[in-house]
């Protein structure tokens, strides 16, 4: 499961074609939101898995830091 999570996150943040975010664009942000939702569900069912807890905190922090820009981009696209 760890490998799959790492691959999903890497896919969402490293595609150069997803500008203006340097780390994945609006689609990458939306993918990361889905990953965070899944992490929260899995972390709640697997108990105290340290890796999942740390990964969830990192993903949540990244989402929080970029939320304003993502909202502005989403409104612009609309």
N, C-alpha and C. Protein backbone atom coordinates (compact mmCIF):
# COMPACT_ATOMS: atom_id res chain seq x y z
N UNK A 1 0.82 -1.18 0.00
CA UNK A 1 0.00 0.00 0.00
C UNK A 1 0.87 1.25 0.00
N UNK A 2 1.98 1.22 0.72
CA UNK A 2 2.87 2.38 0.78
C UNK A 2 3.36 2.77 -0.61
N UNK A 3 3.73 1.81 -1.41
CA UNK A 3 4.22 2.09 -2.76
C UNK A 3 3.13 2.72 -3.61
N UNK A 4 1.92 2.22 -3.51
CA UNK A 4 0.81 2.78 -4.28
C UNK A 4 0.51 4.22 -3.87
N UNK A 5 0.55 4.49 -2.59
CA UNK A 5 0.32 5.86 -2.11
C UNK A 5 1.40 6.80 -2.60
N UNK A 6 2.64 6.37 -2.50
CA UNK A 6 3.75 7.21 -2.98
C UNK A 6 3.62 7.49 -4.47
N UNK A 7 3.25 6.48 -5.24
CA UNK A 7 3.09 6.65 -6.69
C UNK A 7 1.96 7.62 -7.00
N UNK A 8 0.84 7.50 -6.31
CA UNK A 8 -0.30 8.39 -6.54
C UNK A 8 0.07 9.84 -6.23
N UNK A 9 0.77 10.06 -5.14
CA UNK A 9 1.16 11.41 -4.76
C UNK A 9 2.17 11.96 -5.76
N UNK A 10 3.14 11.16 -6.12
CA UNK A 10 4.15 11.60 -7.09
C UNK A 10 3.47 11.98 -8.41
N UNK A 11 2.49 11.20 -8.85
CA UNK A 11 1.77 11.51 -10.08
C UNK A 11 1.03 12.83 -9.98
N UNK A 12 0.44 13.10 -8.82
CA UNK A 12 -0.37 14.31 -8.69
C UNK A 12 0.47 15.58 -8.58
N UNK A 13 1.71 15.48 -8.15
CA UNK A 13 2.49 16.69 -7.93
C UNK A 13 3.64 16.92 -8.89
N UNK A 14 3.97 15.98 -9.73
CA UNK A 14 5.18 16.13 -10.54
C UNK A 14 4.97 16.26 -12.04
N UNK A 15 3.78 16.46 -12.51
CA UNK A 15 3.57 16.58 -13.95
C UNK A 15 3.84 18.01 -14.40
N UNK A 16 4.86 18.18 -15.22
CA UNK A 16 5.27 19.51 -15.66
C UNK A 16 4.21 20.21 -16.49
N UNK A 17 3.32 19.45 -17.11
CA UNK A 17 2.29 20.06 -17.95
C UNK A 17 1.17 20.70 -17.14
N UNK A 18 1.20 20.56 -15.83
CA UNK A 18 0.14 21.10 -14.98
C UNK A 18 0.56 22.42 -14.37
N UNK A 19 0.54 23.46 -15.13
CA UNK A 19 0.87 24.79 -14.65
C UNK A 19 -0.44 25.51 -14.37
N UNK A 20 -0.48 26.58 -13.57
CA UNK A 20 0.63 27.36 -13.05
C UNK A 20 1.21 26.85 -11.74
N UNK A 21 0.63 25.85 -11.08
CA UNK A 21 1.32 25.31 -9.91
C UNK A 21 2.60 24.65 -10.37
N UNK A 22 3.69 24.96 -9.70
CA UNK A 22 4.95 24.33 -10.08
C UNK A 22 4.95 22.87 -9.70
N UNK A 23 4.00 22.42 -8.90
CA UNK A 23 4.00 21.06 -8.40
C UNK A 23 2.86 20.20 -8.89
N UNK A 24 2.07 20.66 -9.86
CA UNK A 24 1.05 19.77 -10.38
C UNK A 24 -0.22 20.41 -10.89
N UNK A 25 -0.37 21.70 -10.79
CA UNK A 25 -1.55 22.36 -11.33
C UNK A 25 -2.82 22.07 -10.54
N UNK A 26 -3.92 22.61 -11.05
CA UNK A 26 -5.21 22.45 -10.39
C UNK A 26 -5.63 20.98 -10.35
N UNK A 27 -5.41 20.27 -11.43
CA UNK A 27 -5.76 18.84 -11.46
C UNK A 27 -4.94 18.07 -10.42
N UNK A 28 -3.68 18.42 -10.28
CA UNK A 28 -2.86 17.78 -9.27
C UNK A 28 -3.36 18.06 -7.87
N UNK A 29 -3.80 19.30 -7.64
CA UNK A 29 -4.34 19.67 -6.34
C UNK A 29 -5.60 18.85 -6.05
N UNK A 30 -6.45 18.72 -7.07
CA UNK A 30 -7.68 17.96 -6.89
C UNK A 30 -7.38 16.48 -6.65
N UNK A 31 -6.38 15.95 -7.33
CA UNK A 31 -5.97 14.57 -7.08
C UNK A 31 -5.48 14.42 -5.65
N UNK A 32 -4.71 15.39 -5.19
CA UNK A 32 -4.18 15.34 -3.84
C UNK A 32 -5.30 15.41 -2.80
N UNK A 33 -6.36 16.16 -3.10
CA UNK A 33 -7.51 16.18 -2.21
C UNK A 33 -8.13 14.79 -2.08
N UNK A 34 -8.25 14.10 -3.20
CA UNK A 34 -8.79 12.74 -3.18
C UNK A 34 -7.89 11.78 -2.42
N UNK A 35 -6.59 11.94 -2.59
CA UNK A 35 -5.64 11.11 -1.86
C UNK A 35 -5.77 11.37 -0.36
N UNK A 36 -5.91 12.64 0.03
CA UNK A 36 -6.05 12.99 1.45
C UNK A 36 -7.32 12.36 2.02
N UNK A 37 -8.39 12.41 1.28
CA UNK A 37 -9.63 11.80 1.74
C UNK A 37 -9.45 10.30 1.98
N UNK A 38 -8.80 9.64 1.03
CA UNK A 38 -8.53 8.22 1.18
C UNK A 38 -7.61 7.92 2.35
N UNK A 39 -6.59 8.76 2.53
CA UNK A 39 -5.67 8.57 3.66
C UNK A 39 -6.39 8.68 4.99
N UNK A 40 -7.29 9.65 5.09
CA UNK A 40 -8.03 9.82 6.34
C UNK A 40 -8.91 8.60 6.62
N UNK A 41 -9.50 8.04 5.58
CA UNK A 41 -10.33 6.85 5.76
C UNK A 41 -9.48 5.65 6.15
N UNK A 42 -8.36 5.45 5.47
CA UNK A 42 -7.49 4.31 5.74
C UNK A 42 -6.84 4.43 7.11
N UNK A 43 -6.38 5.62 7.44
CA UNK A 43 -5.73 5.82 8.74
C UNK A 43 -6.69 5.54 9.88
N UNK A 44 -7.95 5.83 9.69
CA UNK A 44 -8.94 5.58 10.73
C UNK A 44 -9.23 4.10 10.92
N UNK A 45 -9.01 3.30 9.88
CA UNK A 45 -9.32 1.87 9.99
C UNK A 45 -8.11 1.02 10.33
N UNK A 46 -6.90 1.56 10.16
CA UNK A 46 -5.70 0.74 10.38
C UNK A 46 -5.05 1.00 11.72
N UNK A 47 -5.63 1.85 12.53
CA UNK A 47 -5.04 2.11 13.84
C UNK A 47 -3.94 3.15 13.78
N UNK A 48 -2.87 2.92 14.50
CA UNK A 48 -1.81 3.90 14.67
C UNK A 48 -0.61 3.63 13.76
N UNK A 49 -0.81 3.53 12.48
CA UNK A 49 0.27 3.33 11.53
C UNK A 49 1.05 4.63 11.39
N UNK A 50 2.28 4.65 11.85
CA UNK A 50 3.08 5.88 11.87
C UNK A 50 3.31 6.44 10.47
N UNK A 51 3.59 5.58 9.49
CA UNK A 51 3.82 6.05 8.13
C UNK A 51 2.59 6.78 7.60
N UNK A 52 1.41 6.18 7.76
CA UNK A 52 0.19 6.80 7.25
C UNK A 52 -0.12 8.10 7.97
N UNK A 53 0.12 8.15 9.26
CA UNK A 53 -0.11 9.39 10.00
C UNK A 53 0.80 10.51 9.50
N UNK A 54 2.07 10.19 9.31
CA UNK A 54 3.03 11.19 8.83
C UNK A 54 2.67 11.65 7.41
N UNK A 55 2.32 10.70 6.56
CA UNK A 55 1.96 11.03 5.19
C UNK A 55 0.70 11.88 5.14
N UNK A 56 -0.27 11.54 5.97
CA UNK A 56 -1.51 12.31 6.02
C UNK A 56 -1.24 13.75 6.45
N UNK A 57 -0.39 13.94 7.45
CA UNK A 57 -0.05 15.30 7.89
C UNK A 57 0.64 16.09 6.77
N UNK A 58 1.54 15.44 6.04
CA UNK A 58 2.25 16.12 4.96
C UNK A 58 1.29 16.52 3.83
N UNK A 59 0.40 15.62 3.46
CA UNK A 59 -0.57 15.92 2.40
C UNK A 59 -1.51 17.02 2.86
N UNK A 60 -2.00 16.94 4.09
CA UNK A 60 -2.89 17.99 4.61
C UNK A 60 -2.21 19.35 4.63
N UNK A 61 -0.95 19.37 5.03
CA UNK A 61 -0.19 20.63 5.08
C UNK A 61 -0.04 21.21 3.67
N UNK A 62 0.26 20.37 2.70
CA UNK A 62 0.41 20.84 1.31
C UNK A 62 -0.91 21.40 0.79
N UNK A 63 -2.00 20.72 1.08
CA UNK A 63 -3.31 21.22 0.65
C UNK A 63 -3.62 22.56 1.30
N UNK A 64 -3.37 22.68 2.58
CA UNK A 64 -3.66 23.94 3.29
C UNK A 64 -2.83 25.10 2.75
N UNK A 65 -1.58 24.83 2.44
CA UNK A 65 -0.69 25.89 1.95
C UNK A 65 -1.10 26.39 0.57
N UNK A 66 -1.77 25.56 -0.21
CA UNK A 66 -2.10 25.92 -1.59
C UNK A 66 -3.59 26.09 -1.83
N UNK A 67 -4.39 26.05 -0.79
CA UNK A 67 -5.83 26.12 -0.94
C UNK A 67 -6.30 27.42 -1.59
N UNK A 68 -5.77 28.55 -1.15
CA UNK A 68 -6.20 29.84 -1.70
C UNK A 68 -5.94 29.92 -3.20
N UNK A 69 -4.76 29.52 -3.61
CA UNK A 69 -4.43 29.55 -5.03
C UNK A 69 -5.31 28.60 -5.83
N UNK A 70 -5.58 27.43 -5.27
CA UNK A 70 -6.42 26.46 -5.95
C UNK A 70 -7.85 26.99 -6.13
N UNK A 71 -8.38 27.64 -5.09
CA UNK A 71 -9.72 28.21 -5.17
C UNK A 71 -9.77 29.29 -6.24
N UNK A 72 -8.77 30.15 -6.28
CA UNK A 72 -8.73 31.21 -7.30
C UNK A 72 -8.65 30.63 -8.69
N UNK A 73 -7.85 29.60 -8.89
CA UNK A 73 -7.74 28.97 -10.20
C UNK A 73 -9.04 28.29 -10.60
N UNK A 74 -9.68 27.63 -9.64
CA UNK A 74 -10.94 26.96 -9.91
C UNK A 74 -12.00 27.97 -10.33
N UNK A 75 -12.05 29.11 -9.66
CA UNK A 75 -13.02 30.16 -10.02
C UNK A 75 -12.70 30.71 -11.41
N UNK A 76 -11.44 30.88 -11.72
CA UNK A 76 -11.03 31.39 -13.02
C UNK A 76 -11.42 30.42 -14.13
N UNK A 77 -11.22 29.13 -13.89
CA UNK A 77 -11.57 28.12 -14.88
C UNK A 77 -13.08 28.06 -15.10
N UNK A 78 -13.84 28.38 -14.05
CA UNK A 78 -15.31 28.35 -14.13
C UNK A 78 -15.81 29.52 -14.90
